[in-house]
C-alpha cells in the first residue's frame, strides 16, 4: 500500500546494542513469571472488585447521548463512503483511507484500552440497525417477529472473516488504500452487517458477529473502565479479560489479529523480500498476471503467518494439558485465549506507533485547532472548511530512537500483562496452585517466543 507502507520509521544509532533488548525482554518475562508464582497465589483479576458509578452510567446511557454518539458514527461512515467515491483517488489527498486505516483502525485501539468500549457507543452499524428496527416497529404498530437464535457454532467466526478481510484489503489487495476501493469495501461490509442484524437481532449480532465491535471490545477488556449489570464503573486493569467468555472462533480471531500485524512487519524484512521473487515465479507459472501473482503471494504469506501464530498458541495449550488436571485441549485453548489480547495490543502499539503519531495528524492534531488538513479538505478538491488545509504533518513529534524505546516497552509490558492474565486464569481452573504454575511453563516459553518475534520484526522493519 502507498499510504500504509509501514508503521515504523527507521531509527538512529541506539545507545544500547540491539541484541541486549531481546535478552532483557526475556529476563523481564522470566522474573515476572517467578514473581507471579510466588506473590500471586489467589486469582485476583477474576475476583477483582468493581466500583459502580451510577451517575456516570446514567449520563452516558441516556437516550440523548446514545442518539448523539450514534449520529456521529453514522455521519463518519457516510463521510467515508462519500469522500471515497467522489474525492480525489489518491490516498494522501483523500479523507477515506487515512480515516479508515489510521484514525479508526489504530486510534480506537488506544482509546478502547484507556476508556473502555468506546466504539460500542459510536458503532454506526449498531446505530443504523437500532434506528431501522425502531422505525419498523413503529410503522407496523404490532409486535415484530423475533429474530433467529444466534447459533453457538457460529460464535466469533463472522468477526474472524471480517478482520481477516480487512487485513487482506490492507496488506494483500493491490492499491487497497485507493479511496474508491475503501468506500466499496465499507459498503459491502455494511450490507453484510445489515443482513446479520436482520437475521439475529441488532445487539446479538453486534456483540458476536460484527467484526470491529468484537475487535475493539476485546481491547476494551484491558481497560479499568467496564460495565457490570448495565452500570459503568471502575475495575482492576485486565480484569475484563478474566471474565471474558470465549466463543467458537475466538482463538482464530486472536491468531488473525496477531498474525496480520506480524506479517505486515515481516513483509518489510529481508526474509520475505528474498522469498517473494520465487513465489511470484511460481504463481506466474500458474498463469496469473503480475498483479494477481503479487496478491496471491501476499495472501499466502498472510495466511501462513496467521497459522504460525495459531500453532504457537496450540503448542502452549498442549504443554499446559500435559501437566494433568483432566482438561481438554479445546477447553484450555478457550480458557487461556484472553491472555492473547495484551499481546495483540502490544503488536499493534509497537508496530503502528509512528504511523498513528504521524499520519494521524492528517485528521486530528493536538493543536488549539484540532483538525488536520484532510478534515478541512476531505475530498482533496481544495476546500478549507476549518482553515487547516495547509497544515503539514510534524514529523518531529517523536524521534526515531525514542520511538524504538516506546515500541520495545509496549512489547515487554504487553507480554507481562499476558503472563498475568494467563496465570490468574490458571489459578481459577486448577485446584492445585502448584499445578497451575506448572501449566504456565509452556505459556512462558511461548511468551518468550512471541516477544522475540515482535522484537525481530521491529529490527527487520527498522534495519
Protein backbone atom coordinates (compact mmCIF):
# COMPACT_ATOMS: atom_id res chain seq x y z
CA UNK A 1 0.00 0.00 0.00
CA UNK A 2 1.16 3.53 -0.66
CA UNK A 3 -0.41 5.09 2.42
CA UNK A 4 0.24 2.33 4.90
CA UNK A 5 3.56 1.09 3.56
CA UNK A 6 4.80 0.57 7.09
CA UNK A 7 4.10 1.82 10.56
CA UNK A 8 7.68 2.09 11.78
CA UNK A 9 10.28 4.67 10.87
CA UNK A 10 13.98 3.99 10.72
CA UNK A 11 15.93 4.68 13.91
CA UNK A 12 19.21 6.30 14.64
CA UNK A 13 22.10 4.53 16.36
CA UNK A 14 20.95 3.18 19.72
CA UNK A 15 22.99 3.73 22.90
CA UNK A 16 22.23 0.09 23.84
CA UNK A 17 23.05 -2.82 21.49
CA UNK A 18 20.04 -4.25 19.72
CA UNK A 19 20.66 -7.81 20.92
CA UNK A 20 20.57 -6.63 24.51
CA UNK A 21 16.91 -5.66 24.16
CA UNK A 22 15.98 -9.26 23.36
CA UNK A 23 17.85 -10.69 26.33
CA UNK A 24 16.50 -8.01 28.66
CA UNK A 25 12.94 -8.66 27.49
CA UNK A 26 13.31 -12.42 28.08
CA UNK A 27 14.73 -11.79 31.56
CA UNK A 28 11.84 -9.47 32.41
CA UNK A 29 9.37 -12.19 31.42
CA UNK A 30 11.14 -14.85 33.49
CA UNK A 31 11.35 -12.56 36.53
CA UNK A 32 7.68 -11.66 36.11
CA UNK A 33 6.77 -15.34 35.91
CA UNK A 34 8.65 -16.11 39.13
CA UNK A 35 7.11 -13.11 40.89
CA UNK A 36 3.62 -14.19 39.87
CA UNK A 37 4.24 -17.74 41.07
CA UNK A 38 5.47 -16.53 44.48
CA UNK A 39 3.30 -13.48 45.14
CA UNK A 40 0.10 -14.14 43.16
CA UNK A 41 -1.30 -17.36 44.64
CA UNK A 42 -5.00 -16.47 44.53
CA UNK A 43 -6.99 -15.30 41.48
CA UNK A 44 -7.25 -11.53 41.76
CA UNK A 45 -8.48 -10.48 38.34
CA UNK A 46 -11.41 -12.89 38.33
CA UNK A 47 -12.46 -11.85 41.83
CA UNK A 48 -11.50 -8.22 41.43
CA UNK A 49 -13.72 -5.54 42.90
CA UNK A 50 -15.97 -3.34 40.79
CA UNK A 51 -16.82 0.23 41.74
CA UNK A 52 -20.06 1.23 40.03
CA UNK A 53 -20.59 4.86 39.03
CA UNK A 54 -24.37 5.17 38.63
CA UNK A 55 -24.32 8.89 37.87
CA UNK A 56 -21.84 8.47 35.03
CA UNK A 57 -23.72 5.45 33.72
CA UNK A 58 -26.99 7.40 33.79
CA UNK A 59 -25.47 10.20 31.71
CA UNK A 60 -23.65 8.03 29.17
CA UNK A 61 -26.56 5.62 28.81
CA UNK A 62 -29.19 8.33 28.41
CA UNK A 63 -31.18 8.45 25.19
CA UNK A 64 -29.84 11.86 24.04
CA UNK A 65 -26.20 10.78 24.48
CA UNK A 66 -26.81 7.46 22.71
CA UNK A 67 -28.52 9.21 19.81
CA UNK A 68 -25.75 11.81 19.56
CA UNK A 69 -22.95 9.22 19.60
CA UNK A 70 -24.74 7.03 17.09
CA UNK A 71 -25.36 10.01 14.81
CA UNK A 72 -21.65 10.90 14.90
CA UNK A 73 -20.76 7.33 13.95
CA UNK A 74 -23.26 7.28 11.08
CA UNK A 75 -22.01 10.66 9.86
CA UNK A 76 -18.41 9.46 9.77
CA UNK A 77 -19.49 6.28 7.98
CA UNK A 78 -21.31 8.33 5.35
CA UNK A 79 -18.40 10.75 5.05
CA UNK A 80 -16.01 7.85 4.47
CA UNK A 81 -18.15 6.44 1.65
CA UNK A 82 -18.82 9.84 0.08
CA UNK A 83 -15.20 11.01 0.06
CA UNK A 84 -14.01 7.61 -1.12
CA UNK A 85 -16.29 7.70 -4.16
CA UNK A 86 -16.38 11.41 -5.05
CA UNK A 87 -12.99 12.63 -3.83
CA UNK A 88 -9.56 12.55 -5.41
CA UNK A 89 -8.40 8.99 -5.96
CA UNK A 90 -5.09 9.34 -4.15
CA UNK A 91 -4.70 8.05 -0.62
CA UNK A 92 -2.74 11.04 0.65
CA UNK A 93 -5.27 13.62 -0.56
CA UNK A 94 -8.48 11.79 0.38
CA UNK A 95 -10.11 11.58 3.81
CA UNK A 96 -11.32 7.99 3.46
CA UNK A 97 -8.08 5.88 3.54
CA UNK A 98 -6.42 7.79 6.37
CA UNK A 99 -9.57 7.78 8.47
CA UNK A 100 -10.19 4.04 7.98
CA UNK A 101 -6.62 2.71 8.24
CA UNK A 102 -5.24 5.16 10.81
CA UNK A 103 -7.81 7.11 12.83
CA UNK A 104 -10.38 4.32 13.04
CA UNK A 105 -8.30 1.14 12.91
CA UNK A 106 -5.44 2.32 15.14
CA UNK A 107 -6.78 5.26 17.12
CA UNK A 108 -9.71 3.31 18.54
CA UNK A 109 -7.39 0.60 19.86
CA UNK A 110 -5.70 3.06 22.21
CA UNK A 111 -8.99 4.69 23.18
CA UNK A 112 -10.51 1.29 23.95
CA UNK A 113 -7.64 0.32 26.25
CA UNK A 114 -7.79 3.66 28.06
CA UNK A 115 -11.53 4.32 28.26
CA UNK A 116 -13.32 1.04 27.66
CA UNK A 117 -15.68 0.07 24.87
CA UNK A 118 -15.86 3.47 23.18
CA UNK A 119 -16.71 2.02 19.78
CA UNK A 120 -19.92 0.46 21.08
CA UNK A 121 -21.38 3.93 21.60
CA UNK A 122 -20.35 5.20 18.16
CA UNK A 123 -20.82 1.98 16.18
CA UNK A 124 -22.63 3.19 13.03
CA UNK A 125 -23.97 -0.25 12.13
CA UNK A 126 -25.49 -0.71 15.57
CA UNK A 127 -26.98 2.80 15.42
CA UNK A 128 -28.47 2.24 11.96
CA UNK A 129 -29.77 -1.19 12.94
CA UNK A 130 -31.50 0.18 16.03
CA UNK A 131 -32.96 3.10 14.08
CA UNK A 132 -34.35 0.86 11.35
CA UNK A 133 -35.70 -1.56 13.95
CA UNK A 134 -37.48 1.27 15.81
CA UNK A 135 -38.95 2.66 12.59
CA UNK A 136 -40.17 -0.79 11.54
CA UNK A 137 -41.82 -1.43 14.91
CA UNK A 138 -43.45 2.00 14.91
CA UNK A 139 -44.74 1.65 11.36
CA UNK A 140 -46.05 -1.86 11.90
CA UNK A 141 -47.86 -0.95 15.13
CA UNK A 142 -47.66 -4.60 16.02
CA UNK A 143 -45.11 -6.94 17.56
CA UNK A 144 -42.28 -7.73 15.16
CA UNK A 145 -41.19 -11.33 14.53
CA UNK A 146 -38.48 -12.44 16.94
CA UNK A 147 -35.00 -12.77 15.39
CA UNK A 148 -33.40 -16.14 14.94
CA UNK A 149 -31.42 -17.60 17.80
CA UNK A 150 -27.72 -16.95 17.24
CA UNK A 151 -26.05 -20.35 16.62
CA UNK A 152 -23.40 -21.25 19.18
CA UNK A 153 -21.27 -22.85 16.46
CA UNK A 154 -21.22 -19.50 14.60
CA UNK A 155 -19.60 -17.80 17.59
CA UNK A 156 -16.99 -15.24 16.55
CA UNK A 157 -16.42 -16.71 13.09
CA UNK A 158 -18.13 -13.78 11.29
CA UNK A 159 -15.74 -11.47 13.14
CA UNK A 160 -12.81 -13.65 12.09
CA UNK A 161 -13.88 -13.30 8.47
CA UNK A 162 -14.32 -9.52 8.85
CA UNK A 163 -10.92 -8.88 10.44
CA UNK A 164 -9.15 -11.20 8.01
CA UNK A 165 -10.93 -9.44 5.12
CA UNK A 166 -9.76 -6.08 6.46
CA UNK A 167 -6.18 -7.40 6.65
CA UNK A 168 -6.46 -8.63 3.05
CA UNK A 169 -7.63 -5.18 1.90
CA UNK A 170 -4.78 -3.53 3.81
CA UNK A 171 -1.92 -5.93 3.06
CA UNK A 172 -2.83 -8.02 0.02
CA UNK A 173 -5.06 -6.16 -2.44
CA UNK A 174 -3.13 -4.08 -4.96
CA UNK A 175 -3.75 -0.41 -4.19
CA UNK A 176 -6.06 -1.44 -1.37
CA UNK A 177 -5.85 2.09 0.01
CA UNK A 178 -7.34 3.61 -3.15
CA UNK A 179 -10.28 5.69 -1.86
CA UNK A 180 -12.86 4.10 -4.14
CA UNK A 181 -11.82 0.59 -3.11
CA UNK A 182 -12.06 1.60 0.54
CA UNK A 183 -15.55 3.02 0.01
CA UNK A 184 -16.74 -0.10 -1.83
CA UNK A 185 -15.33 -2.31 0.92
CA UNK A 186 -17.20 -0.25 3.53
CA UNK A 187 -20.45 -0.61 1.57
CA UNK A 188 -20.03 -4.37 1.13
CA UNK A 189 -19.24 -4.79 4.80
CA UNK A 190 -22.24 -2.65 5.76
CA UNK A 191 -24.61 -4.81 3.71
CA UNK A 192 -23.25 -7.94 5.42
CA UNK A 193 -23.88 -6.37 8.85
CA UNK A 194 -27.43 -5.39 7.98
CA UNK A 195 -28.15 -8.97 6.88
CA UNK A 196 -26.68 -10.34 10.12
CA UNK A 197 -28.68 -7.91 12.25
CA UNK A 198 -31.88 -8.70 10.34
CA UNK A 199 -31.39 -12.42 11.00
CA UNK A 200 -30.16 -12.47 14.59
CA UNK A 201 -31.04 -9.11 16.09
CA UNK A 202 -29.05 -5.90 16.36
CA UNK A 203 -27.38 -6.32 19.74
CA UNK A 204 -26.79 -10.05 19.43
CA UNK A 205 -25.09 -9.65 16.06
CA UNK A 206 -23.03 -6.60 17.05
CA UNK A 207 -21.78 -8.33 20.21
CA UNK A 208 -20.76 -11.54 18.43
CA UNK A 209 -20.59 -11.17 14.66
CA UNK A 210 -19.78 -7.53 13.86
CA UNK A 211 -16.02 -7.68 13.37
CA UNK A 212 -14.98 -4.25 14.62
CA UNK A 213 -17.33 -4.32 17.59
CA UNK A 214 -15.78 -7.62 18.69
CA UNK A 215 -12.25 -6.42 17.86
CA UNK A 216 -12.36 -3.18 19.83
CA UNK A 217 -14.43 -4.84 22.53
CA UNK A 218 -11.59 -7.27 23.23
CA UNK A 219 -9.11 -4.44 23.71
CA UNK A 220 -11.65 -2.63 25.91
CA UNK A 221 -11.47 -5.55 28.36
CA UNK A 222 -7.95 -4.42 29.24
CA UNK A 223 -9.34 -1.08 30.40
CA UNK A 224 -10.06 -0.10 34.02
CA UNK A 225 -13.46 1.08 32.75
CA UNK A 226 -16.12 -1.55 32.37
CA UNK A 227 -19.80 -2.35 32.59
CA UNK A 228 -21.48 -4.73 35.00
CA UNK A 229 -25.24 -5.35 35.08
CA UNK A 230 -25.71 -2.36 32.79
CA UNK A 231 -23.80 0.04 35.06
CA UNK A 232 -20.49 1.68 34.11
CA UNK A 233 -17.77 1.60 36.73
CA UNK A 234 -14.10 1.08 37.57
CA UNK A 235 -12.33 -2.25 37.91
CA UNK A 236 -8.79 -3.57 38.12
CA UNK A 237 -6.98 -3.23 34.76
CA UNK A 238 -7.10 -6.53 32.82
CA UNK A 239 -10.00 -7.78 34.97
CA UNK A 240 -12.31 -7.66 31.97
CA UNK A 241 -10.18 -10.33 30.30
CA UNK A 242 -10.52 -12.64 33.28
CA UNK A 243 -14.32 -12.70 32.94
CA UNK A 244 -14.37 -12.92 29.15
CA UNK A 245 -16.42 -15.80 27.77
CA UNK A 246 -14.81 -17.11 24.58
CA UNK A 247 -16.91 -18.50 21.74
CA UNK A 248 -16.31 -20.69 18.75
CA UNK A 249 -13.70 -18.95 16.60
CA UNK A 250 -12.24 -16.72 19.33
CA UNK A 251 -8.83 -18.41 19.15
CA UNK A 252 -8.78 -17.98 15.38
CA UNK A 253 -9.74 -14.31 15.78
CA UNK A 254 -6.76 -13.63 18.06
CA UNK A 255 -4.49 -15.51 15.67
CA UNK A 256 -5.66 -13.25 12.85
CA UNK A 257 -5.21 -10.13 15.00
CA UNK A 258 -1.61 -11.01 15.91
CA UNK A 259 -0.71 -12.73 12.65
CA UNK A 260 -1.78 -9.87 10.38
CA UNK A 261 0.40 -7.37 12.25
CA UNK A 262 3.28 -9.86 12.32
CA UNK A 263 3.07 -10.33 8.57
CA UNK A 264 2.92 -6.59 7.98
CA UNK A 265 6.15 -6.21 9.95
CA UNK A 266 7.88 -9.21 8.41
CA UNK A 267 6.96 -8.25 4.85
CA UNK A 268 9.40 -5.34 5.08
CA UNK A 269 12.32 -7.56 6.11
CA UNK A 270 14.95 -9.36 4.02
CA UNK A 271 13.50 -12.83 4.66
CA UNK A 272 10.20 -12.06 2.95
CA UNK A 273 11.67 -9.84 0.25
CA UNK A 274 14.11 -12.63 -0.60
CA UNK A 275 11.32 -15.21 -0.78
CA UNK A 276 8.87 -13.10 -2.78
CA UNK A 277 10.52 -13.44 -6.24
CA UNK A 278 10.35 -17.25 -6.09
CA UNK A 279 6.69 -17.14 -5.11
CA UNK A 280 5.95 -14.65 -7.88
CA UNK A 281 7.56 -17.01 -10.39
CA UNK A 282 5.51 -19.89 -9.02
CA UNK A 283 2.17 -18.10 -9.33
CA UNK A 284 3.20 -16.66 -12.68
CA UNK A 285 3.79 -20.20 -13.86
CA UNK A 286 0.18 -20.97 -12.97
CA UNK A 287 -0.96 -18.36 -15.46
CA UNK A 288 -1.55 -15.40 -13.14
CA UNK A 289 -0.56 -11.92 -14.24
CA UNK A 290 1.97 -9.82 -12.29
CA UNK A 291 -0.63 -8.02 -10.14
CA UNK A 292 -2.57 -11.19 -9.30
CA UNK A 293 0.66 -13.09 -8.63
CA UNK A 294 1.70 -10.44 -6.14
CA UNK A 295 -1.68 -10.60 -4.44
CA UNK A 296 -1.56 -14.40 -4.28
CA UNK A 297 1.95 -14.24 -2.83
CA UNK A 298 0.95 -11.83 -0.10
CA UNK A 299 -2.24 -13.76 0.64
CA UNK A 300 -0.17 -16.90 1.09
CA UNK A 301 2.25 -15.07 3.38
CA UNK A 302 -0.57 -13.58 5.45
CA UNK A 303 -2.34 -16.93 5.82
CA UNK A 304 0.87 -18.75 6.71
CA UNK A 305 1.70 -16.18 9.40
CA UNK A 306 -1.75 -16.48 10.95
CA UNK A 307 -1.39 -20.27 11.01
CA UNK A 308 2.06 -19.91 12.58
CA UNK A 309 0.62 -17.82 15.42
CA UNK A 310 -2.21 -20.33 15.83
CA UNK A 311 0.38 -23.11 16.05
CA UNK A 312 2.42 -21.21 18.64
CA UNK A 313 -0.63 -20.91 20.85
CA UNK A 314 -1.60 -24.52 20.27
CA UNK A 315 1.85 -25.54 21.46
CA UNK A 316 1.35 -23.66 24.73
CA UNK A 317 -2.05 -25.27 25.23
CA UNK A 318 -0.74 -28.79 24.63
CA UNK A 319 2.07 -28.12 27.05
CA UNK A 320 -0.37 -26.93 29.70
CA UNK A 321 -2.52 -30.03 29.15
CA UNK A 322 0.50 -32.29 29.64
CA UNK A 323 0.81 -31.34 33.32
CA UNK A 324 -2.52 -33.00 34.12
CA UNK A 325 -5.73 -31.73 35.61
CA UNK A 326 -8.07 -33.55 33.26
CA UNK A 327 -8.71 -30.58 30.96
CA UNK A 328 -9.17 -30.98 27.21
CA UNK A 329 -7.00 -29.11 24.74
CA UNK A 330 -10.06 -27.32 23.38
CA UNK A 331 -11.14 -26.27 26.86
CA UNK A 332 -7.69 -24.94 27.74
CA UNK A 333 -7.42 -23.13 24.41
CA UNK A 334 -10.61 -21.24 25.15
CA UNK A 335 -9.73 -20.69 28.80
CA UNK A 336 -6.40 -19.01 28.08
CA UNK A 337 -7.27 -17.21 24.84
CA UNK A 338 -7.93 -13.91 26.62
CA UNK A 339 -4.21 -13.83 27.51
CA UNK A 340 -3.50 -13.21 23.81
CA UNK A 341 -5.33 -9.86 23.85
CA UNK A 342 -2.49 -7.92 25.56
CA UNK A 343 -0.10 -9.48 23.02
CA UNK A 344 -2.31 -8.30 20.18
CA UNK A 345 -2.29 -4.82 21.70
CA UNK A 346 1.49 -4.90 22.12
CA UNK A 347 1.96 -5.83 18.47
CA UNK A 348 -0.41 -3.11 17.23
CA UNK A 349 1.03 -0.44 19.51
CA UNK A 350 4.66 -1.28 18.73
CA UNK A 351 4.24 -1.72 15.01
CA UNK A 352 1.95 1.21 14.23
CA UNK A 353 3.01 3.78 16.84
CA UNK A 354 4.72 6.12 14.40
CA UNK A 355 2.04 5.70 11.75
CA UNK A 356 -0.61 6.86 14.22
CA UNK A 357 1.50 9.74 15.52
CA UNK A 358 2.45 10.96 12.05
CA UNK A 359 -0.30 10.16 9.57
CA UNK A 360 -2.97 10.56 12.26
CA UNK A 361 -2.21 14.29 12.22
CA UNK A 362 -3.83 14.46 8.80
CA UNK A 363 -7.22 14.08 10.52
CA UNK A 364 -6.71 15.20 14.13
CA UNK A 365 -3.92 17.13 15.86
CA UNK A 366 -3.16 18.21 19.41
CA UNK A 367 -3.16 21.88 18.40
CA UNK A 368 -5.61 24.57 19.53
CA UNK A 369 -7.43 23.96 16.27
CA UNK A 370 -7.51 20.13 16.38
CA UNK A 371 -8.29 19.49 12.73
CA UNK A 372 -5.76 18.19 10.21
CA UNK A 373 -5.57 19.00 6.54
CA UNK A 374 -7.79 16.11 5.49
CA UNK A 375 -10.53 17.20 7.87
CA UNK A 376 -10.52 20.61 6.18
CA UNK A 377 -10.28 19.20 2.66
CA UNK A 378 -11.79 15.69 2.80
CA UNK A 379 -12.35 15.40 -0.95
CA UNK A 380 -8.96 16.79 -1.88
CA UNK A 381 -10.64 19.42 -4.07
CA UNK A 382 -9.02 22.48 -2.48
CA UNK A 383 -11.66 23.28 0.15
CA UNK A 384 -10.64 24.61 3.57
CA UNK A 385 -13.54 24.01 5.98
CA UNK A 386 -11.65 24.54 9.25
CA UNK A 387 -8.81 26.69 7.96
CA UNK A 388 -6.25 23.90 8.32
CA UNK A 389 -5.94 22.63 4.75
CA UNK A 390 -2.40 23.98 4.54
CA UNK A 391 -1.26 22.34 7.75
CA UNK A 392 1.70 19.94 7.39
CA UNK A 393 2.48 16.82 9.37
CA UNK A 394 5.00 17.38 12.17
CA UNK A 395 7.46 14.52 11.84
CA UNK A 396 9.38 15.76 14.87
CA UNK A 397 6.62 14.78 17.28
CA UNK A 398 8.74 11.77 18.28
CA UNK A 399 12.32 10.89 17.48
CA UNK A 400 13.34 7.60 15.88
CA UNK A 401 15.32 6.41 18.90
CA UNK A 402 12.54 7.38 21.31
CA UNK A 403 10.05 5.54 19.11
CA UNK A 404 12.19 2.40 19.33
CA UNK A 405 12.24 2.55 23.13
CA UNK A 406 8.45 3.03 23.23
CA UNK A 407 7.96 0.13 20.85
CA UNK A 408 10.11 -2.22 22.93
CA UNK A 409 8.31 -1.02 26.06
CA UNK A 410 4.92 -1.86 24.54
CA UNK A 411 6.16 -5.33 23.57
CA UNK A 412 7.53 -6.16 27.02
CA UNK A 413 4.63 -4.72 29.02
CA UNK A 414 2.09 -6.40 26.75
CA UNK A 415 3.68 -9.81 27.25
CA UNK A 416 3.98 -9.32 31.01
CA UNK A 417 0.27 -8.47 31.05
CA UNK A 418 -0.42 -11.61 29.03
CA UNK A 419 1.50 -13.72 31.56
CA UNK A 420 -0.51 -12.12 34.36
CA UNK A 421 -3.85 -12.90 32.71
CA UNK A 422 -2.81 -16.47 31.95
CA UNK A 423 -1.51 -17.03 35.49
CA UNK A 424 -4.69 -15.68 37.07
CA UNK A 425 -6.81 -17.86 34.80
CA UNK A 426 -4.72 -20.93 35.66
CA UNK A 427 -5.44 -20.37 39.35
CA UNK A 428 -9.17 -20.48 38.63
CA UNK A 429 -9.20 -23.69 36.57
CA UNK A 430 -6.64 -25.79 38.51
CA UNK A 431 -7.43 -26.86 42.05
CA UNK A 432 -3.73 -27.02 42.97
CA UNK A 433 -1.72 -23.78 42.86
CA UNK A 434 1.48 -25.71 42.09
CA UNK A 435 -0.22 -27.41 39.17
CA UNK A 436 -1.42 -24.02 37.94
CA UNK A 437 2.16 -22.70 37.96
CA UNK A 438 3.46 -25.82 36.19
CA UNK A 439 0.82 -25.38 33.48
CA UNK A 440 2.32 -21.99 32.72
CA UNK A 441 5.85 -23.19 31.97
CA UNK A 442 4.88 -23.72 28.36
CA UNK A 443 3.00 -20.43 28.31
CA UNK A 444 6.15 -18.66 29.48
CA UNK A 445 8.16 -20.30 26.71
CA UNK A 446 5.61 -19.24 24.11
CA UNK A 447 5.50 -15.70 25.52
CA UNK A 448 9.28 -15.50 25.13
CA UNK A 449 8.84 -16.69 21.54
CA UNK A 450 6.17 -14.07 20.90
CA UNK A 451 8.39 -11.38 22.43
CA UNK A 452 11.39 -12.47 20.38
CA UNK A 453 9.25 -12.49 17.24
CA UNK A 454 7.95 -8.99 17.95
CA UNK A 455 11.44 -7.60 18.58
CA UNK A 456 12.78 -9.37 15.50
CA UNK A 457 10.00 -7.82 13.41
CA UNK A 458 10.85 -4.40 14.80
CA UNK A 459 14.52 -4.89 13.96
CA UNK A 460 13.63 -6.09 10.45
CA UNK A 461 11.45 -3.08 9.78
CA UNK A 462 13.86 -0.63 11.36
CA UNK A 463 17.02 -2.05 9.91
